[in-house]
Structures are given as C-alpha cells and as structure tokens.
PDB file of all heavy atoms in Angstrom:
ATOM      1  N   ALA A   1      54.335   3.962 -32.253  1.00  0.00           N
ATOM      2  CA  ALA A   1      54.954   3.212 -31.065  1.00  0.00           C
ATOM      3  C   ALA A   1      54.447   3.811 -29.731  1.00  0.00           C
ATOM      4  O   ALA A   1      54.163   3.145 -28.792  1.00  0.00           O
ATOM      5  CB  ALA A   1      56.383   3.122 -31.121  1.00  0.00           C
ATOM      6  N   THR A   2      54.494   5.213 -29.746  1.00  0.00           N
ATOM      7  CA  THR A   2      54.043   5.850 -28.532  1.00  0.00           C
ATOM      8  C   THR A   2      52.588   5.640 -28.247  1.00  0.00           C
ATOM      9  O   THR A   2      52.166   5.379 -27.173  1.00  0.00           O
ATOM     10  CB  THR A   2      54.277   7.350 -28.684  1.00  0.00           C
ATOM     11  OG1 THR A   2      55.709   7.570 -29.008  1.00  0.00           O
ATOM     12  CG2 THR A   2      53.943   8.163 -27.484  1.00  0.00           C
ATOM     13  N   ARG A   3      51.733   5.680 -29.350  1.00  0.00           N
ATOM     14  CA  ARG A   3      50.342   5.424 -29.221  1.00  0.00           C
ATOM     15  C   ARG A   3      50.117   4.030 -28.653  1.00  0.00           C
ATOM     16  O   ARG A   3      49.320   3.775 -27.787  1.00  0.00           O
ATOM     17  CB  ARG A   3      49.657   5.579 -30.563  1.00  0.00           C
ATOM     18  CG  ARG A   3      48.123   5.295 -30.507  1.00  0.00           C
ATOM     19  CD  ARG A   3      47.524   5.327 -31.895  1.00  0.00           C
ATOM     20  NE  ARG A   3      47.718   6.538 -32.548  1.00  0.00           N
ATOM     21  CZ  ARG A   3      48.385   6.776 -33.633  1.00  0.00           C
ATOM     22  NH1 ARG A   3      49.046   5.715 -34.209  1.00  0.00           N
ATOM     23  NH2 ARG A   3      48.537   7.905 -34.259  1.00  0.00           N
ATOM     24  N   GLN A   4      50.865   3.072 -29.244  1.00  0.00           N
ATOM     25  CA  GLN A   4      50.687   1.669 -28.789  1.00  0.00           C
ATOM     26  C   GLN A   4      51.100   1.500 -27.256  1.00  0.00           C
ATOM     27  O   GLN A   4      50.391   0.791 -26.532  1.00  0.00           O
ATOM     28  CB  GLN A   4      51.508   0.730 -29.652  1.00  0.00           C
ATOM     29  CG  GLN A   4      51.254  -0.754 -29.335  1.00  0.00           C
ATOM     30  CD  GLN A   4      49.795  -1.114 -29.626  1.00  0.00           C
ATOM     31  OE1 GLN A   4      49.201  -0.823 -30.685  1.00  0.00           O
ATOM     32  NE2 GLN A   4      49.137  -1.811 -28.600  1.00  0.00           N
ATOM     33  N   TYR A   5      52.156   2.126 -26.909  1.00  0.00           N
ATOM     34  CA  TYR A   5      52.593   2.081 -25.522  1.00  0.00           C
ATOM     35  C   TYR A   5      51.492   2.562 -24.567  1.00  0.00           C
ATOM     36  O   TYR A   5      51.136   1.930 -23.605  1.00  0.00           O
ATOM     37  CB  TYR A   5      53.874   2.862 -25.408  1.00  0.00           C
ATOM     38  CG  TYR A   5      54.366   3.027 -23.980  1.00  0.00           C
ATOM     39  CD1 TYR A   5      54.970   1.945 -23.308  1.00  0.00           C
ATOM     40  CD2 TYR A   5      54.264   4.235 -23.289  1.00  0.00           C
ATOM     41  CE1 TYR A   5      55.419   2.086 -22.037  1.00  0.00           C
ATOM     42  CE2 TYR A   5      54.606   4.388 -21.938  1.00  0.00           C
ATOM     43  CZ  TYR A   5      55.227   3.325 -21.297  1.00  0.00           C
ATOM     44  OH  TYR A   5      55.650   3.430 -20.047  1.00  0.00           O
ATOM     45  N   TYR A   6      50.984   3.761 -24.878  1.00  0.00           N
ATOM     46  CA  TYR A   6      49.950   4.379 -24.023  1.00  0.00           C
ATOM     47  C   TYR A   6      48.690   3.491 -24.049  1.00  0.00           C
ATOM     48  O   TYR A   6      48.021   3.327 -23.049  1.00  0.00           O
ATOM     49  CB  TYR A   6      49.662   5.787 -24.450  1.00  0.00           C
ATOM     50  CG  TYR A   6      50.644   6.759 -23.929  1.00  0.00           C
ATOM     51  CD1 TYR A   6      51.287   7.692 -24.821  1.00  0.00           C
ATOM     52  CD2 TYR A   6      50.975   6.897 -22.598  1.00  0.00           C
ATOM     53  CE1 TYR A   6      52.184   8.625 -24.358  1.00  0.00           C
ATOM     54  CE2 TYR A   6      51.893   7.865 -22.131  1.00  0.00           C
ATOM     55  CZ  TYR A   6      52.505   8.688 -22.970  1.00  0.00           C
ATOM     56  OH  TYR A   6      53.400   9.625 -22.606  1.00  0.00           O
ATOM     57  N   GLN A   7      48.338   2.976 -25.265  1.00  0.00           N
ATOM     58  CA  GLN A   7      47.169   2.175 -25.316  1.00  0.00           C
ATOM     59  C   GLN A   7      47.252   0.913 -24.517  1.00  0.00           C
ATOM     60  O   GLN A   7      46.358   0.475 -23.855  1.00  0.00           O
ATOM     61  CB  GLN A   7      46.851   1.806 -26.791  1.00  0.00           C
ATOM     62  CG  GLN A   7      45.545   1.188 -26.990  1.00  0.00           C
ATOM     63  CD  GLN A   7      44.339   2.071 -26.616  1.00  0.00           C
ATOM     64  OE1 GLN A   7      44.312   3.213 -27.056  1.00  0.00           O
ATOM     65  NE2 GLN A   7      43.392   1.566 -25.901  1.00  0.00           N
ATOM     66  N   ASP A   8      48.446   0.302 -24.474  1.00  0.00           N
ATOM     67  CA  ASP A   8      48.722  -0.928 -23.675  1.00  0.00           C
ATOM     68  C   ASP A   8      48.507  -0.568 -22.280  1.00  0.00           C
ATOM     69  O   ASP A   8      47.934  -1.322 -21.471  1.00  0.00           O
ATOM     70  CB  ASP A   8      50.091  -1.456 -23.978  1.00  0.00           C
ATOM     71  CG  ASP A   8      50.215  -2.142 -25.343  1.00  0.00           C
ATOM     72  OD1 ASP A   8      49.202  -2.392 -26.002  1.00  0.00           O
ATOM     73  OD2 ASP A   8      51.389  -2.384 -25.701  1.00  0.00           O
ATOM     74  N   GLN A   9      49.061   0.550 -21.869  1.00  0.00           N
ATOM     75  CA  GLN A   9      48.927   0.984 -20.385  1.00  0.00           C
ATOM     76  C   GLN A   9      47.437   1.270 -20.025  1.00  0.00           C
ATOM     77  O   GLN A   9      47.040   0.881 -18.985  1.00  0.00           O
ATOM     78  CB  GLN A   9      49.822   2.233 -20.129  1.00  0.00           C
ATOM     79  CG  GLN A   9      51.245   2.030 -20.380  1.00  0.00           C
ATOM     80  CD  GLN A   9      51.807   0.935 -19.525  1.00  0.00           C
ATOM     81  OE1 GLN A   9      51.578   0.836 -18.348  1.00  0.00           O
ATOM     82  NE2 GLN A   9      52.642   0.053 -20.129  1.00  0.00           N
ATOM     83  N   LEU A  10      46.742   1.885 -20.927  1.00  0.00           N
ATOM     84  CA  LEU A  10      45.342   2.192 -20.756  1.00  0.00           C
ATOM     85  C   LEU A  10      44.525   0.875 -20.644  1.00  0.00           C
ATOM     86  O   LEU A  10      43.717   0.749 -19.720  1.00  0.00           O
ATOM     87  CB  LEU A  10      44.817   3.114 -21.882  1.00  0.00           C
ATOM     88  CG  LEU A  10      43.327   3.436 -21.776  1.00  0.00           C
ATOM     89  CD1 LEU A  10      43.068   4.340 -20.509  1.00  0.00           C
ATOM     90  CD2 LEU A  10      42.787   4.104 -23.041  1.00  0.00           C
ATOM     91  N   ASN A  11      44.816  -0.043 -21.518  1.00  0.00           N
ATOM     92  CA  ASN A  11      44.106  -1.288 -21.425  1.00  0.00           C
ATOM     93  C   ASN A  11      44.366  -2.066 -20.167  1.00  0.00           C
ATOM     94  O   ASN A  11      43.445  -2.737 -19.639  1.00  0.00           O
ATOM     95  CB  ASN A  11      44.461  -2.142 -22.677  1.00  0.00           C
ATOM     96  CG  ASN A  11      43.877  -1.597 -23.965  1.00  0.00           C
ATOM     97  OD1 ASN A  11      42.990  -0.817 -23.915  1.00  0.00           O
ATOM     98  ND2 ASN A  11      44.479  -1.997 -25.071  1.00  0.00           N
ATOM     99  N   GLN A  12      45.583  -1.995 -19.666  1.00  0.00           N
ATOM    100  CA  GLN A  12      45.851  -2.645 -18.389  1.00  0.00           C
ATOM    101  C   GLN A  12      45.158  -1.986 -17.262  1.00  0.00           C
ATOM    102  O   GLN A  12      44.531  -2.635 -16.367  1.00  0.00           O
ATOM    103  CB  GLN A  12      47.395  -2.612 -18.102  1.00  0.00           C
ATOM    104  CG  GLN A  12      48.223  -3.500 -18.918  1.00  0.00           C
ATOM    105  CD  GLN A  12      49.747  -3.395 -18.575  1.00  0.00           C
ATOM    106  OE1 GLN A  12      50.237  -2.550 -17.815  1.00  0.00           O
ATOM    107  NE2 GLN A  12      50.517  -4.272 -19.183  1.00  0.00           N
ATOM    108  N   GLN A  13      45.070  -0.636 -17.272  1.00  0.00           N
ATOM    109  CA  GLN A  13      44.317   0.122 -16.194  1.00  0.00           C
ATOM    110  C   GLN A  13      42.840  -0.267 -16.369  1.00  0.00           C
ATOM    111  O   GLN A  13      42.180  -0.433 -15.341  1.00  0.00           O
ATOM    112  CB  GLN A  13      44.554   1.616 -16.395  1.00  0.00           C
ATOM    113  CG  GLN A  13      45.824   2.119 -15.932  1.00  0.00           C
ATOM    114  CD  GLN A  13      45.879   3.633 -15.906  1.00  0.00           C
ATOM    115  OE1 GLN A  13      44.854   4.255 -15.828  1.00  0.00           O
ATOM    116  NE2 GLN A  13      47.095   4.162 -16.010  1.00  0.00           N
ATOM    117  N   HIS A  14      42.315  -0.341 -17.572  1.00  0.00           N
ATOM    118  CA  HIS A  14      40.948  -0.653 -17.789  1.00  0.00           C
ATOM    119  C   HIS A  14      40.567  -2.049 -17.234  1.00  0.00           C
ATOM    120  O   HIS A  14      39.532  -2.195 -16.565  1.00  0.00           O
ATOM    121  CB  HIS A  14      40.560  -0.545 -19.298  1.00  0.00           C
ATOM    122  CG  HIS A  14      39.153  -0.858 -19.597  1.00  0.00           C
ATOM    123  ND1 HIS A  14      38.776  -2.070 -19.998  1.00  0.00           N
ATOM    124  CD2 HIS A  14      38.065  -0.048 -19.458  1.00  0.00           C
ATOM    125  CE1 HIS A  14      37.385  -2.004 -20.232  1.00  0.00           C
ATOM    126  NE2 HIS A  14      36.933  -0.813 -19.899  1.00  0.00           N
ATOM    127  N   ALA A  15      41.423  -3.024 -17.481  1.00  0.00           N
ATOM    128  CA  ALA A  15      41.199  -4.401 -17.035  1.00  0.00           C
ATOM    129  C   ALA A  15      41.163  -4.437 -15.538  1.00  0.00           C
ATOM    130  O   ALA A  15      40.273  -5.077 -14.864  1.00  0.00           O
ATOM    131  CB  ALA A  15      42.238  -5.304 -17.535  1.00  0.00           C
ATOM    132  N   THR A  16      42.048  -3.703 -14.879  1.00  0.00           N
ATOM    133  CA  THR A  16      42.114  -3.620 -13.384  1.00  0.00           C
ATOM    134  C   THR A  16      40.884  -2.904 -12.871  1.00  0.00           C
ATOM    135  O   THR A  16      40.296  -3.422 -11.917  1.00  0.00           O
ATOM    136  CB  THR A  16      43.409  -2.914 -12.947  1.00  0.00           C
ATOM    137  OG1 THR A  16      44.560  -3.620 -13.427  1.00  0.00           O
ATOM    138  CG2 THR A  16      43.460  -2.795 -11.487  1.00  0.00           C
ATOM    139  N   ALA A  17      40.583  -1.774 -13.410  1.00  0.00           N
ATOM    140  CA  ALA A  17      39.401  -1.045 -12.931  1.00  0.00           C
ATOM    141  C   ALA A  17      38.100  -1.847 -13.191  1.00  0.00           C
ATOM    142  O   ALA A  17      37.242  -1.794 -12.293  1.00  0.00           O
ATOM    143  CB  ALA A  17      39.291   0.294 -13.678  1.00  0.00           C
ATOM    144  N   SER A  18      37.970  -2.528 -14.279  1.00  0.00           N
ATOM    145  CA  SER A  18      36.842  -3.368 -14.535  1.00  0.00           C
ATOM    146  C   SER A  18      36.688  -4.464 -13.516  1.00  0.00           C
ATOM    147  O   SER A  18      35.605  -4.709 -12.974  1.00  0.00           O
ATOM    148  CB  SER A  18      36.866  -3.898 -15.928  1.00  0.00           C
ATOM    149  OG  SER A  18      35.761  -4.692 -16.267  1.00  0.00           O
ATOM    150  N   ARG A  19      37.768  -5.100 -13.238  1.00  0.00           N
ATOM    151  CA  ARG A  19      37.784  -6.201 -12.238  1.00  0.00           C
ATOM    152  C   ARG A  19      37.441  -5.619 -10.835  1.00  0.00           C
ATOM    153  O   ARG A  19      36.613  -6.145 -10.116  1.00  0.00           O
ATOM    154  CB  ARG A  19      39.124  -6.895 -12.246  1.00  0.00           C
ATOM    155  CG  ARG A  19      39.226  -8.045 -11.352  1.00  0.00           C
ATOM    156  CD  ARG A  19      40.584  -8.809 -11.491  1.00  0.00           C
ATOM    157  NE  ARG A  19      41.750  -7.942 -11.512  1.00  0.00           N
ATOM    158  CZ  ARG A  19      42.491  -7.601 -12.532  1.00  0.00           C
ATOM    159  NH1 ARG A  19      42.147  -8.010 -13.749  1.00  0.00           N
ATOM    160  NH2 ARG A  19      43.547  -6.817 -12.422  1.00  0.00           N
ATOM    161  N   ASN A  20      38.040  -4.456 -10.475  1.00  0.00           N
ATOM    162  CA  ASN A  20      37.789  -3.875  -9.206  1.00  0.00           C
ATOM    163  C   ASN A  20      36.359  -3.485  -9.071  1.00  0.00           C
ATOM    164  O   ASN A  20      35.644  -3.631  -8.052  1.00  0.00           O
ATOM    165  CB  ASN A  20      38.688  -2.617  -8.985  1.00  0.00           C
ATOM    166  CG  ASN A  20      40.145  -3.009  -8.677  1.00  0.00           C
ATOM    167  OD1 ASN A  20      40.448  -4.213  -8.343  1.00  0.00           O
ATOM    168  ND2 ASN A  20      41.056  -2.111  -8.900  1.00  0.00           N
ATOM    169  N   LEU A  21      35.782  -2.929 -10.171  1.00  0.00           N
ATOM    170  CA  LEU A  21      34.360  -2.539 -10.102  1.00  0.00           C
ATOM    171  C   LEU A  21      33.472  -3.711  -9.942  1.00  0.00           C
ATOM    172  O   LEU A  21      32.543  -3.666  -9.124  1.00  0.00           O
ATOM    173  CB  LEU A  21      34.021  -1.789 -11.400  1.00  0.00           C
ATOM    174  CG  LEU A  21      32.567  -1.423 -11.599  1.00  0.00           C
ATOM    175  CD1 LEU A  21      32.138  -0.418 -10.528  1.00  0.00           C
ATOM    176  CD2 LEU A  21      32.295  -0.749 -12.936  1.00  0.00           C
ATOM    177  N   LYS A  22      33.757  -4.803 -10.658  1.00  0.00           N
ATOM    178  CA  LYS A  22      32.928  -5.961 -10.539  1.00  0.00           C
ATOM    179  C   LYS A  22      32.931  -6.525  -9.054  1.00  0.00           C
ATOM    180  O   LYS A  22      31.837  -6.769  -8.534  1.00  0.00           O
ATOM    181  CB  LYS A  22      33.534  -7.090 -11.419  1.00  0.00           C
ATOM    182  CG  LYS A  22      32.787  -8.407 -11.409  1.00  0.00           C
ATOM    183  CD  LYS A  22      33.481  -9.374 -12.335  1.00  0.00           C
ATOM    184  CE  LYS A  22      32.762 -10.673 -12.351  1.00  0.00           C
ATOM    185  NZ  LYS A  22      33.412 -11.686 -13.288  1.00  0.00           N
ATOM    186  N   PHE A  23      34.024  -6.524  -8.415  1.00  0.00           N
ATOM    187  CA  PHE A  23      34.150  -7.038  -7.112  1.00  0.00           C
ATOM    188  C   PHE A  23      33.512  -6.020  -6.085  1.00  0.00           C
ATOM    189  O   PHE A  23      32.869  -6.445  -5.096  1.00  0.00           O
ATOM    190  CB  PHE A  23      35.523  -7.452  -6.667  1.00  0.00           C
ATOM    191  CG  PHE A  23      36.061  -8.679  -7.347  1.00  0.00           C
ATOM    192  CD1 PHE A  23      37.157  -8.612  -8.182  1.00  0.00           C
ATOM    193  CD2 PHE A  23      35.415  -9.870  -7.123  1.00  0.00           C
ATOM    194  CE1 PHE A  23      37.594  -9.764  -8.835  1.00  0.00           C
ATOM    195  CE2 PHE A  23      35.866 -11.041  -7.738  1.00  0.00           C
ATOM    196  CZ  PHE A  23      36.946 -10.978  -8.602  1.00  0.00           C
ATOM    197  N   ALA A  24      33.696  -4.790  -6.309  1.00  0.00           N
ATOM    198  CA  ALA A  24      33.160  -3.747  -5.420  1.00  0.00           C
ATOM    199  C   ALA A  24      31.653  -3.734  -5.451  1.00  0.00           C
ATOM    200  O   ALA A  24      30.987  -3.615  -4.402  1.00  0.00           O
ATOM    201  CB  ALA A  24      33.738  -2.337  -5.774  1.00  0.00           C
ATOM    202  N   VAL A  25      31.112  -3.879  -6.624  1.00  0.00           N
ATOM    203  CA  VAL A  25      29.665  -3.916  -6.782  1.00  0.00           C
ATOM    204  C   VAL A  25      29.062  -5.194  -6.110  1.00  0.00           C
ATOM    205  O   VAL A  25      28.084  -5.073  -5.384  1.00  0.00           O
ATOM    206  CB  VAL A  25      29.240  -3.828  -8.240  1.00  0.00           C
ATOM    207  CG1 VAL A  25      27.804  -4.192  -8.479  1.00  0.00           C
ATOM    208  CG2 VAL A  25      29.568  -2.420  -8.762  1.00  0.00           C
ATOM    209  N   ALA A  26      29.684  -6.277  -6.308  1.00  0.00           N
ATOM    210  CA  ALA A  26      29.262  -7.548  -5.709  1.00  0.00           C
ATOM    211  C   ALA A  26      29.397  -7.467  -4.157  1.00  0.00           C
ATOM    212  O   ALA A  26      28.466  -7.851  -3.440  1.00  0.00           O
ATOM    213  CB  ALA A  26      30.019  -8.728  -6.249  1.00  0.00           C
ATOM    214  N   ARG A  27      30.549  -6.945  -3.744  1.00  0.00           N
ATOM    215  CA  ARG A  27      30.757  -6.815  -2.290  1.00  0.00           C
ATOM    216  C   ARG A  27      29.795  -5.961  -1.540  1.00  0.00           C
ATOM    217  O   ARG A  27      29.346  -6.234  -0.448  1.00  0.00           O
ATOM    218  CB  ARG A  27      32.182  -6.383  -2.088  1.00  0.00           C
ATOM    219  CG  ARG A  27      32.624  -6.335  -0.589  1.00  0.00           C
ATOM    220  CD  ARG A  27      34.096  -5.964  -0.401  1.00  0.00           C
ATOM    221  NE  ARG A  27      34.492  -4.785  -1.121  1.00  0.00           N
ATOM    222  CZ  ARG A  27      35.315  -4.688  -2.224  1.00  0.00           C
ATOM    223  NH1 ARG A  27      35.863  -5.791  -2.679  1.00  0.00           N
ATOM    224  NH2 ARG A  27      35.626  -3.554  -2.738  1.00  0.00           N
ATOM    225  N   SER A  28      29.343  -4.937  -2.262  1.00  0.00           N
ATOM    226  CA  SER A  28      28.435  -3.925  -1.671  1.00  0.00           C
ATOM    227  C   SER A  28      27.002  -4.327  -1.821  1.00  0.00           C
ATOM    228  O   SER A  28      26.095  -3.614  -1.283  1.00  0.00           O
ATOM    229  CB  SER A  28      28.688  -2.555  -2.190  1.00  0.00           C
ATOM    230  OG  SER A  28      28.380  -2.502  -3.561  1.00  0.00           O
ATOM    231  N   GLY A  29      26.702  -5.402  -2.543  1.00  0.00           N
ATOM    232  CA  GLY A  29      25.377  -5.861  -2.738  1.00  0.00           C
ATOM    233  C   GLY A  29      24.599  -5.073  -3.832  1.00  0.00           C
ATOM    234  O   GLY A  29      23.344  -5.034  -3.823  1.00  0.00           O
ATOM    235  N   LEU A  30      25.339  -4.370  -4.684  1.00  0.00           N
ATOM    236  CA  LEU A  30      24.717  -3.499  -5.653  1.00  0.00           C
ATOM    237  C   LEU A  30      24.651  -4.161  -7.101  1.00  0.00           C
ATOM    238  O   LEU A  30      24.263  -3.480  -8.037  1.00  0.00           O
ATOM    239  CB  LEU A  30      25.445  -2.156  -5.752  1.00  0.00           C
ATOM    240  CG  LEU A  30      25.515  -1.343  -4.482  1.00  0.00           C
ATOM    241  CD1 LEU A  30      26.395  -0.137  -4.642  1.00  0.00           C
ATOM    242  CD2 LEU A  30      24.111  -0.879  -4.175  1.00  0.00           C
ATOM    243  N   ALA A  31      25.030  -5.366  -7.114  1.00  0.00           N
ATOM    244  CA  ALA A  31      25.090  -6.152  -8.391  1.00  0.00           C
ATOM    245  C   ALA A  31      23.670  -6.099  -9.087  1.00  0.00           C
ATOM    246  O   ALA A  31      22.683  -6.412  -8.447  1.00  0.00           O
ATOM    247  CB  ALA A  31      25.575  -7.460  -8.246  1.00  0.00           C
ATOM    248  N   GLY A  32      23.653  -5.746 -10.350  1.00  0.00           N
ATOM    249  CA  GLY A  32      22.413  -5.781 -11.120  1.00  0.00           C
ATOM    250  C   GLY A  32      21.559  -4.528 -10.868  1.00  0.00           C
ATOM    251  O   GLY A  32      20.523  -4.443 -11.556  1.00  0.00           O
ATOM    252  N   GLY A  33      21.989  -3.618 -10.069  1.00  0.00           N
ATOM    253  CA  GLY A  33      21.205  -2.417  -9.796  1.00  0.00           C
ATOM    254  C   GLY A  33      21.682  -1.236 -10.644  1.00  0.00           C
ATOM    255  O   GLY A  33      22.564  -1.316 -11.523  1.00  0.00           O
ATOM    256  N   SER A  34      21.014  -0.108 -10.408  1.00  0.00           N
ATOM    257  CA  SER A  34      21.269   1.071 -11.192  1.00  0.00           C
ATOM    258  C   SER A  34      22.628   1.625 -10.855  1.00  0.00           C
ATOM    259  O   SER A  34      23.303   2.215 -11.739  1.00  0.00           O
ATOM    260  CB  SER A  34      20.224   2.184 -10.944  1.00  0.00           C
ATOM    261  OG  SER A  34      20.267   2.535  -9.567  1.00  0.00           O
ATOM    262  N   GLU A  35      23.172   1.430  -9.652  1.00  0.00           N
ATOM    263  CA  GLU A  35      24.466   1.885  -9.332  1.00  0.00           C
ATOM    264  C   GLU A  35      25.530   1.154 -10.136  1.00  0.00           C
ATOM    265  O   GLU A  35      26.496   1.748 -10.542  1.00  0.00           O
ATOM    266  CB  GLU A  35      24.746   1.678  -7.790  1.00  0.00           C
ATOM    267  CG  GLU A  35      26.087   2.193  -7.322  1.00  0.00           C
ATOM    268  CD  GLU A  35      26.231   3.738  -7.465  1.00  0.00           C
ATOM    269  OE1 GLU A  35      25.235   4.419  -7.423  1.00  0.00           O
ATOM    270  OE2 GLU A  35      27.401   4.195  -7.607  1.00  0.00           O
ATOM    271  N   GLN A  36      25.375  -0.112 -10.340  1.00  0.00           N
ATOM    272  CA  GLN A  36      26.302  -0.949 -11.152  1.00  0.00           C
ATOM    273  C   GLN A  36      26.284  -0.323 -12.606  1.00  0.00           C
ATOM    274  O   GLN A  36      27.300  -0.116 -13.221  1.00  0.00           O
ATOM    275  CB  GLN A  36      25.953  -2.362 -11.162  1.00  0.00           C
ATOM    276  CG  GLN A  36      26.932  -3.137 -12.075  1.00  0.00           C
ATOM    277  CD  GLN A  36      26.525  -4.686 -12.177  1.00  0.00           C
ATOM    278  OE1 GLN A  36      25.488  -5.056 -11.686  1.00  0.00           O
ATOM    279  NE2 GLN A  36      27.474  -5.427 -12.737  1.00  0.00           N
ATOM    280  N   LEU A  37      25.113  -0.024 -13.115  1.00  0.00           N
ATOM    281  CA  LEU A  37      24.998   0.525 -14.482  1.00  0.00           C
ATOM    282  C   LEU A  37      25.648   1.852 -14.542  1.00  0.00           C
ATOM    283  O   LEU A  37      26.387   2.168 -15.472  1.00  0.00           O
ATOM    284  CB  LEU A  37      23.498   0.628 -14.887  1.00  0.00           C
ATOM    285  CG  LEU A  37      23.174   1.062 -16.253  1.00  0.00           C
ATOM    286  CD1 LEU A  37      23.841   0.152 -17.280  1.00  0.00           C
ATOM    287  CD2 LEU A  37      21.702   1.218 -16.485  1.00  0.00           C
ATOM    288  N   ASP A  38      25.392   2.685 -13.509  1.00  0.00           N
ATOM    289  CA  ASP A  38      26.028   4.014 -13.505  1.00  0.00           C
ATOM    290  C   ASP A  38      27.575   3.911 -13.499  1.00  0.00           C
ATOM    291  O   ASP A  38      28.197   4.624 -14.236  1.00  0.00           O
ATOM    292  CB  ASP A  38      25.598   4.843 -12.285  1.00  0.00           C
ATOM    293  CG  ASP A  38      24.094   5.275 -12.412  1.00  0.00           C
ATOM    294  OD1 ASP A  38      23.558   5.194 -13.537  1.00  0.00           O
ATOM    295  OD2 ASP A  38      23.569   5.650 -11.381  1.00  0.00           O
ATOM    296  N   GLN A  39      28.083   3.042 -12.652  1.00  0.00           N
ATOM    297  CA  GLN A  39      29.503   2.866 -12.531  1.00  0.00           C
ATOM    298  C   GLN A  39      30.108   2.305 -13.849  1.00  0.00           C
ATOM    299  O   GLN A  39      31.218   2.678 -14.232  1.00  0.00           O
ATOM    300  CB  GLN A  39      29.896   2.032 -11.314  1.00  0.00           C
ATOM    301  CG  GLN A  39      29.602   2.651 -10.028  1.00  0.00           C
ATOM    302  CD  GLN A  39      30.343   3.973  -9.841  1.00  0.00           C
ATOM    303  OE1 GLN A  39      31.522   4.042 -10.164  1.00  0.00           O
ATOM    304  NE2 GLN A  39      29.726   5.001  -9.297  1.00  0.00           N
TER     305      GLN A  39
END
C-alpha cells in the first residue's frame, strides 16, 4: 500500500512534468531539437 501510494504520487508528478516540458519546449521554439531530446 505504501509503494502504491508513492507510485501514484510519482505518476502524478510525472504527468505534470511531462506536460510542462511539452509546453516549455514548444513555447521556447525548441520543439524537435536536441534540447527537447535532452530534457
């Protein structure tokens, strides 16, 4: 149960970070470039 609780929290953070990364890369004009791949 503890593992599942932390995993759920991690997955929520991952979804938020992934979404933020997608928009940050697009906003900065780095979409499709090496910086996007690095991030």
